[in-house]
Protein backbone atom coordinates (compact mmCIF):
# COMPACT_ATOMS: atom_id res chain seq x y z
CA UNK A 1 31.48 5.84 3.06
CA UNK A 2 33.84 8.82 1.93
CA UNK A 3 34.03 11.57 3.22
CA UNK A 4 31.45 14.60 2.49
CA UNK A 5 32.95 18.19 1.45
CA UNK A 6 31.35 21.04 0.59
CA UNK A 7 33.22 23.62 -0.61
CA UNK A 8 31.41 27.66 -1.32
CA UNK A 9 28.53 26.72 -2.21
CA UNK A 10 28.98 23.64 -4.08
CA UNK A 11 28.71 20.20 -2.52
CA UNK A 12 30.80 17.42 -3.68
CA UNK A 13 32.10 14.25 -2.60
CA UNK A 14 36.14 13.17 -1.50
CA UNK A 15 37.62 9.99 -3.04
CA UNK A 16 36.90 6.66 -0.94
CA UNK A 17 39.26 5.25 1.04
CA UNK A 18 39.90 6.20 4.14
CA UNK A 19 38.41 5.76 7.87
CA UNK A 20 35.41 8.36 9.03
CA UNK A 21 35.68 9.77 11.53
CA UNK A 22 32.58 11.22 14.13
CA UNK A 23 32.54 14.60 12.55
CA UNK A 24 32.77 13.27 8.55
CA UNK A 25 29.73 11.16 9.52
CA UNK A 26 27.97 13.92 11.22
CA UNK A 27 28.60 16.12 7.83
CA UNK A 28 27.02 13.89 5.43
CA UNK A 29 23.59 13.95 7.53
CA UNK A 30 24.00 17.88 7.52
CA UNK A 31 24.49 17.31 3.70
CA UNK A 32 21.59 14.97 3.37
CA UNK A 33 19.74 17.85 5.69
CA UNK A 34 20.64 19.96 3.12
CA UNK A 35 20.13 18.46 -0.10
CA UNK A 36 16.66 17.85 1.01
CA UNK A 37 15.58 21.18 2.53
CA UNK A 38 17.01 22.94 -0.85
CA UNK A 39 17.00 20.68 -4.03
CA UNK A 40 13.63 17.87 -2.79
CA UNK A 41 10.31 19.10 -2.71
CA UNK A 42 7.55 17.23 -0.76
CA UNK A 43 4.96 14.60 -2.69
CA UNK A 44 7.46 14.37 -5.04
CA UNK A 45 11.42 13.10 -4.30
CA UNK A 46 9.17 12.23 -0.69
CA UNK A 47 6.32 12.06 1.26
CA UNK A 48 4.81 12.63 5.00
CA UNK A 49 2.85 10.33 6.44
CA UNK A 50 0.58 11.57 9.28
CA UNK A 51 1.42 10.38 12.82
CA UNK A 52 4.67 8.75 11.36
CA UNK A 53 7.99 10.37 12.69
CA UNK A 54 10.64 10.57 9.45
CA UNK A 55 9.35 11.46 6.29
CA UNK A 56 8.94 8.46 3.37
CA UNK A 57 11.64 8.13 0.82
CA UNK A 58 10.76 8.36 -2.43
CA UNK A 59 11.92 6.60 -5.95
CA UNK A 60 12.68 10.68 -6.88
CA UNK A 61 14.42 11.22 -3.62
CA UNK A 62 16.99 8.52 -3.82
CA UNK A 63 18.26 9.31 -7.70
CA UNK A 64 19.35 12.93 -6.22
CA UNK A 65 20.72 10.98 -2.98
CA UNK A 66 22.74 8.75 -5.79
CA UNK A 67 23.77 12.01 -7.73
CA UNK A 68 25.02 13.98 -4.82
CA UNK A 69 27.14 11.63 -3.28
CA UNK A 70 28.44 9.93 -6.97
CA UNK A 71 26.58 6.47 -7.08
CA UNK A 72 25.95 4.18 -10.01
CA UNK A 73 24.28 1.26 -9.89
CA UNK A 74 23.80 -1.50 -11.66
CA UNK A 75 21.10 -4.47 -11.11
CA UNK A 76 20.50 -8.04 -11.08
CA UNK A 77 17.08 -9.72 -10.90
CA UNK A 78 15.87 -13.29 -9.65
CA UNK A 79 12.73 -13.63 -11.40
CA UNK A 80 10.47 -16.54 -9.10
CA UNK A 81 7.14 -16.01 -10.71
CA UNK A 82 4.87 -19.21 -11.03
CA UNK A 83 1.85 -19.64 -12.94
CA UNK A 84 -0.76 -18.47 -11.21
CA UNK A 85 1.56 -14.84 -10.33
CA UNK A 86 4.32 -12.65 -11.03
CA UNK A 87 6.67 -12.10 -8.41
CA UNK A 88 10.09 -10.43 -8.77
CA UNK A 89 13.02 -10.24 -6.62
CA UNK A 90 15.55 -7.43 -7.54
CA UNK A 91 19.29 -6.92 -5.69
CA UNK A 92 20.92 -3.07 -6.17
CA UNK A 93 24.83 -2.57 -5.84
CA UNK A 94 25.90 0.87 -5.59
CA UNK A 95 29.43 1.34 -6.33
CA UNK A 96 31.65 5.43 -6.26
CA UNK A 97 31.35 6.00 -9.52
CA UNK A 98 34.66 8.05 -9.52
CA UNK A 99 36.91 5.17 -8.31
CA UNK A 100 34.31 1.75 -8.63
CA UNK A 101 34.69 0.96 -4.90
CA UNK A 102 31.76 -0.95 -3.58
CA UNK A 103 29.59 1.12 -1.46
CA UNK A 104 26.49 -0.97 -0.93
CA UNK A 105 24.01 -3.37 -1.66
CA UNK A 106 19.44 -3.67 -1.03
CA UNK A 107 17.22 -5.76 -1.96
CA UNK A 108 13.36 -5.24 -2.80
CA UNK A 109 10.93 -8.06 -3.61
CA UNK A 110 7.43 -7.24 -5.30
CA UNK A 111 4.51 -9.77 -6.48
CA UNK A 112 1.23 -9.57 -7.88
CA UNK A 113 0.11 -11.34 -5.13
CA UNK A 114 -0.32 -7.72 -3.20
CA UNK A 115 -3.29 -6.32 -2.41
CA UNK A 116 -3.11 -3.74 -4.68
CA UNK A 117 -1.53 -6.14 -7.86
CA UNK A 118 -4.38 -8.48 -6.92
CA UNK A 119 -7.56 -7.08 -7.56
CA UNK A 120 -8.91 -4.22 -9.60
CA UNK A 121 -12.61 -2.24 -10.06
CA UNK A 122 -14.90 -4.00 -12.35
CA UNK A 123 -15.84 -1.86 -14.83
CA UNK A 124 -19.46 -2.37 -14.36
CA UNK A 125 -21.98 -4.84 -12.24
CA UNK A 126 -22.05 -7.20 -15.32
CA UNK A 127 -18.24 -7.62 -15.17
CA UNK A 128 -18.57 -8.62 -11.42
CA UNK A 129 -21.48 -10.49 -11.79
CA UNK A 130 -19.54 -12.89 -14.37
CA UNK A 131 -16.79 -13.31 -13.04
CA UNK A 132 -16.19 -16.20 -10.78
CA UNK A 133 -16.93 -15.82 -6.68
CA UNK A 134 -13.40 -16.74 -5.96
CA UNK A 135 -12.33 -14.15 -8.37
CA UNK A 136 -14.39 -11.09 -7.20
CA UNK A 137 -14.84 -9.74 -4.01
CA UNK A 138 -16.79 -6.18 -2.62
CA UNK A 139 -13.92 -4.05 -0.85
CA UNK A 140 -14.96 -2.33 2.74
CA UNK A 141 -13.30 1.16 3.37
CA UNK A 142 -14.63 3.53 5.89
CA UNK A 143 -17.58 5.01 4.01
CA UNK A 144 -17.38 3.64 0.55
CA UNK A 145 -17.12 -0.37 -1.32
CA UNK A 146 -15.94 -1.15 -4.13
CA UNK A 147 -16.72 -4.46 -6.30
CA UNK A 148 -13.27 -5.37 -7.78
CA UNK A 149 -12.12 -8.38 -9.78
CA UNK A 150 -8.90 -9.96 -9.49
CA UNK A 151 -6.18 -8.67 -12.14
CA UNK A 152 -5.15 -10.41 -15.41
CA UNK A 153 -0.54 -10.57 -14.24
CA UNK A 154 0.03 -10.35 -17.44
CA UNK A 155 -0.97 -6.57 -17.07
CA UNK A 156 0.89 -6.09 -14.10
CA UNK A 157 4.18 -8.12 -14.43
CA UNK A 158 5.59 -4.81 -15.90
CA UNK A 159 4.94 -2.99 -12.86
CA UNK A 160 5.79 -5.76 -10.39
CA UNK A 161 9.63 -5.65 -12.40
CA UNK A 162 9.82 -1.58 -11.51
CA UNK A 163 8.54 -1.60 -7.82
CA UNK A 164 10.51 -4.24 -7.15
CA UNK A 165 13.54 -2.43 -8.72
CA UNK A 166 11.98 0.81 -6.07
CA UNK A 167 12.34 -0.63 -3.25
CA UNK A 168 15.85 -2.32 -3.88
CA UNK A 169 17.20 0.86 -5.21
CA UNK A 170 15.65 2.88 -1.88
CA UNK A 171 17.14 -0.15 0.51
CA UNK A 172 20.71 0.59 -1.06
CA UNK A 173 20.36 4.57 -0.71
CA UNK A 174 19.18 4.69 2.37
CA UNK A 175 21.45 1.78 3.59
CA UNK A 176 24.63 3.70 1.30
CA UNK A 177 24.13 7.56 2.89
CA UNK A 178 23.40 6.19 5.85
CA UNK A 179 20.20 8.22 5.07
CA UNK A 180 18.00 5.82 7.98
CA UNK A 181 18.75 8.85 10.33
CA UNK A 182 16.31 11.48 7.92
CA UNK A 183 14.09 8.83 5.82
CA UNK A 184 11.86 5.89 6.28
CA UNK A 185 11.85 3.46 3.84
CA UNK A 186 8.72 1.67 1.69
CA UNK A 187 5.82 3.35 3.67
CA UNK A 188 4.70 5.15 0.67
CA UNK A 189 3.76 1.26 -0.98
CA UNK A 190 1.56 0.49 2.03
CA UNK A 191 -2.29 -0.24 1.11
CA UNK A 192 -4.47 2.75 1.82
CA UNK A 193 -6.24 1.48 4.55
CA UNK A 194 -2.90 0.67 6.28
CA UNK A 195 -1.67 3.77 5.99
CA UNK A 196 -5.00 5.49 6.63
CA UNK A 197 -4.96 3.04 10.16
CA UNK A 198 -1.32 4.60 11.03
CA UNK A 199 -3.24 7.82 10.59
CA UNK A 200 -6.04 7.18 12.56
CA UNK A 201 -3.81 5.61 15.51
CA UNK A 202 -1.72 9.02 15.79
CA UNK A 203 -4.60 11.28 15.53
CA UNK A 204 -5.55 13.12 18.50
CA UNK A 205 -8.37 11.81 20.96
CA UNK A 206 -11.07 14.41 18.96
CA UNK A 207 -9.76 13.78 15.43
CA UNK A 208 -10.14 9.75 15.71
CA UNK A 209 -12.91 8.56 13.33
CA UNK A 210 -15.96 6.64 15.02
CA UNK A 211 -16.90 3.51 14.33
CA UNK A 212 -20.41 2.57 12.87
CA UNK A 213 -22.55 0.99 15.56
CA UNK A 214 -23.12 -3.01 15.23
CA UNK A 215 -25.75 -3.76 13.48
CA UNK A 216 -28.16 -5.03 16.98
CA UNK A 217 -29.71 -8.75 16.86
CA UNK A 218 -33.10 -6.91 17.16
CA UNK A 219 -32.47 -5.26 13.84
CA UNK A 220 -31.14 -8.66 12.35
CA UNK A 221 -33.61 -10.56 13.37
CA UNK A 222 -36.24 -8.12 11.58
CA UNK A 223 -34.91 -7.63 8.90
CA UNK A 224 -32.89 -10.59 7.49
CA UNK A 225 -36.53 -12.57 5.89
CA UNK A 226 -37.09 -9.46 3.88
CA UNK A 227 -32.38 -9.66 2.55
CA UNK A 228 -34.01 -12.97 1.84
CA UNK A 229 -35.96 -12.14 -0.87
CA UNK A 230 -34.38 -9.48 -2.55
CA UNK A 231 -31.26 -12.35 -2.77
CA UNK A 232 -33.91 -14.86 -3.64
CA UNK A 233 -35.72 -12.70 -6.64
CA UNK A 234 -32.26 -12.15 -7.85
CA UNK A 235 -32.86 -7.55 -7.15
CA UNK A 236 -29.47 -8.21 -4.61
CA UNK A 237 -26.21 -10.34 -3.98
CA UNK A 238 -24.92 -11.57 -0.84
CA UNK A 239 -22.46 -9.03 -1.39
CA UNK A 240 -24.92 -5.89 -1.99
CA UNK A 241 -26.89 -7.34 1.47
CA UNK A 242 -23.59 -6.75 3.37
CA UNK A 243 -21.71 -3.79 1.34
CA UNK A 244 -25.53 -1.96 1.85
CA UNK A 245 -25.60 -2.43 5.32
CA UNK A 246 -22.09 -2.36 6.12
CA UNK A 247 -22.21 1.30 4.74
CA UNK A 248 -24.30 2.39 8.43
CA UNK A 249 -23.89 -0.51 10.48
CA UNK A 250 -20.67 -3.19 11.69
CA UNK A 251 -22.14 -6.56 11.17
CA UNK A 252 -20.62 -9.73 12.59
CA UNK A 253 -19.04 -12.53 11.68
CA UNK A 254 -21.87 -14.72 12.15
CA UNK A 255 -24.02 -12.29 10.72
CA UNK A 256 -22.14 -12.15 7.62
CA UNK A 257 -22.07 -15.68 7.31
CA UNK A 258 -25.59 -16.35 7.42
CA UNK A 259 -25.98 -14.07 4.72
CA UNK A 260 -23.52 -15.97 2.80
CA UNK A 261 -25.32 -18.78 3.12
CA UNK A 262 -29.08 -17.58 1.93
CA UNK A 263 -28.58 -20.07 -1.61
CA UNK A 264 -31.05 -18.17 -4.76
CA UNK A 265 -32.42 -21.07 -5.80
CA UNK A 266 -34.22 -21.80 -2.53
CA UNK A 267 -37.62 -20.37 -1.51
CA UNK A 268 -37.56 -17.36 0.24
CA UNK A 269 -39.50 -16.61 3.39
CA UNK A 270 -42.43 -14.60 3.46
CA UNK A 271 -41.27 -10.85 4.83
CA UNK A 272 -43.87 -8.49 7.07
CA UNK A 273 -42.73 -5.06 5.70
CA UNK A 274 -39.67 -5.60 2.95
CA UNK A 275 -36.96 -2.88 3.74
CA UNK A 276 -34.03 -2.09 2.66
CA UNK A 277 -30.19 -3.58 4.03
CA UNK A 278 -29.45 -0.94 5.72
CA UNK A 279 -32.36 0.42 7.62
CA UNK A 280 -32.69 -0.89 11.13
CA UNK A 281 -35.64 -0.68 13.91
């Protein structure tokens, strides 16, 4: 990596070719920090994930660093797609623009099997119900549920390619500029629930979210016959029942399995009182 020198108020990049000294490396890090403070904007060029020690570098931020150090990029794409999955691996090569010297490489990959590309929100209950069971699901959040169906891979193919390129570019930028001391990589690409889990893990004890109480065996035994009747009569699906109950309480795996085993065409037992899912006594 070439020497970074500051002349007046302008930051320039000297020619590559000589061994860097400790002072050169220290100065380069200082320049990165200066550019971050003077040019980069939070949530545009980088993001801060609660609980993480370093900010996460975004694609616009990597482009600022590449311009600062006069690094040109070229890419090579490997298509690893199958009939049911779009998958790309991208290699980004960085060279010093004035001299053509190879500086570093980065690798990035993205696949339509990643959770955020594999599923989309159903546009309506009708679409959800018309979709095969293997291609639909209920997504559970802390205080919400949403009905999702499998996305059409053709609709996300271009996004997958661009995401693989972005990941590779950020990987190369951090490697070539030595900016890993200042930034994390790809944290912003984590699924929302993992980002929230990381933030919760680092939150003060009094700020950590409280888990919903477990649905008791007694309440389950009392209310289960009513839920069966809802499912048999087509008023609710097993997924609907589970989602409603878990908006307030946590079901065990065994309890969820028992609800999912209810078949619509079997006769339903007659409960003494019909209770909406979620009612616990």
